[in-house]
Protein backbone atom coordinates (compact mmCIF):
# COMPACT_ATOMS: atom_id res chain seq x y z
CA MET A 1 0.35 0.26 -0.27
CA MET A 2 1.40 3.23 -1.31
CA LYS A 3 0.21 6.79 -0.46
CA ILE A 4 0.50 10.24 -1.90
CA ARG A 5 2.01 12.83 1.14
CA SER A 6 1.80 16.47 1.04
CA ARG A 7 3.93 18.46 3.36
CA LYS A 8 4.21 22.31 3.06
CA SER A 9 7.83 24.25 2.79
CA LYS A 10 8.55 27.59 4.28
CA LYS A 11 11.51 29.44 2.70
CA VAL A 12 12.73 32.61 5.23
CA TYR A 13 15.05 35.39 3.26
CA LEU A 14 15.88 38.70 4.28
CA GLY A 15 15.74 38.48 7.97
CA LYS A 16 11.71 37.26 7.62
CA LYS A 17 10.87 40.57 5.15
CA SER A 18 10.43 37.97 2.67
CA ILE A 19 8.71 34.00 2.93
CA TYR A 20 8.30 31.86 0.46
CA GLU A 21 5.59 28.95 0.97
CA TYR A 22 4.89 25.47 -1.34
CA GLU A 23 3.29 22.43 -1.22
CA ALA A 24 5.27 19.66 -1.43
CA LEU A 25 4.05 16.25 -3.01
CA SER A 26 6.44 12.32 -2.31
CA ILE A 27 5.21 9.33 -2.93
CA GLY A 28 6.95 6.58 -0.86
CA ILE A 29 8.95 3.40 -2.54
CA PRO A 30 8.31 0.30 -0.92
CA SER A 31 11.16 -1.93 -0.07
CA ARG A 32 10.10 -4.67 -2.50
CA PHE A 33 10.27 -2.75 -5.27
CA ARG A 34 14.51 -1.06 -4.65
CA LYS A 35 16.12 -3.67 -6.85
CA ASP A 36 14.04 -2.17 -10.00
CA VAL A 37 14.24 1.53 -8.73
CA GLU A 38 18.33 1.35 -7.95
CA ALA A 39 19.13 1.66 -10.67
CA PHE A 40 17.66 5.79 -11.39
CA LEU A 41 18.88 6.73 -9.05
CA ASP A 42 20.42 10.48 -9.11
CA GLU A 43 18.82 10.15 -12.18
CA ASP A 44 16.90 13.61 -14.09
CA LEU A 45 13.64 12.07 -14.98
CA LYS A 46 11.70 12.40 -16.94
CA MET A 47 7.43 12.29 -15.50
CA ARG A 48 4.70 11.39 -17.19
CA LEU A 49 1.25 11.60 -15.46
CA LYS A 50 -2.17 9.95 -16.12
CA ALA A 51 -5.29 9.93 -14.21
CA GLU A 52 -8.32 7.18 -14.61
CA LYS A 53 -11.29 7.14 -12.66
CA ASN A 54 -10.18 5.44 -9.70
CA ARG A 55 -6.07 5.11 -10.40
CA ILE A 56 -2.58 7.15 -11.45
CA VAL A 57 -0.58 6.37 -14.51
CA ILE A 58 2.99 7.79 -13.65
CA VAL A 59 5.81 6.81 -15.80
CA LEU A 60 8.84 8.15 -15.76
CA GLU A 61 11.88 7.67 -17.89
CA PRO A 62 15.41 9.28 -17.47
CA ARG A 63 15.48 12.17 -19.34
CA GLU A 64 18.44 12.80 -22.10
CA ASN A 65 20.60 15.19 -20.84
CA ILE A 66 19.74 18.41 -23.40
CA SER A 67 23.71 19.98 -21.71
CA VAL A 68 25.70 18.19 -23.62
CA ASN A 69 27.54 18.96 -27.80
CA LYS A 70 26.77 15.29 -29.24
CA ARG A 71 28.25 16.63 -31.80
CA ILE A 72 31.87 15.51 -32.69
CA THR A 73 33.75 18.62 -33.71
CA ASP A 74 37.82 17.76 -34.81
CA LYS A 75 39.00 18.83 -32.13
CA ASN A 76 37.80 16.36 -29.88
CA LYS A 77 38.33 13.71 -32.18
């Protein structure tokens, strides 16, 4: 069984003159899925979410690193 948890965060700036508050949602992944998830730890993931009648389908896939130049130039050979 899994639960979607909500927590509120508060950041204080400029000696309490500005306060930024936001709500974050999280899902705990059961330990029985640890082997399947370990390959994706510390990776940037792209998320797609589809809400149906009585279910939520969340698809996470590795995000392509667009900051890396994929073209090989003469200097890199």
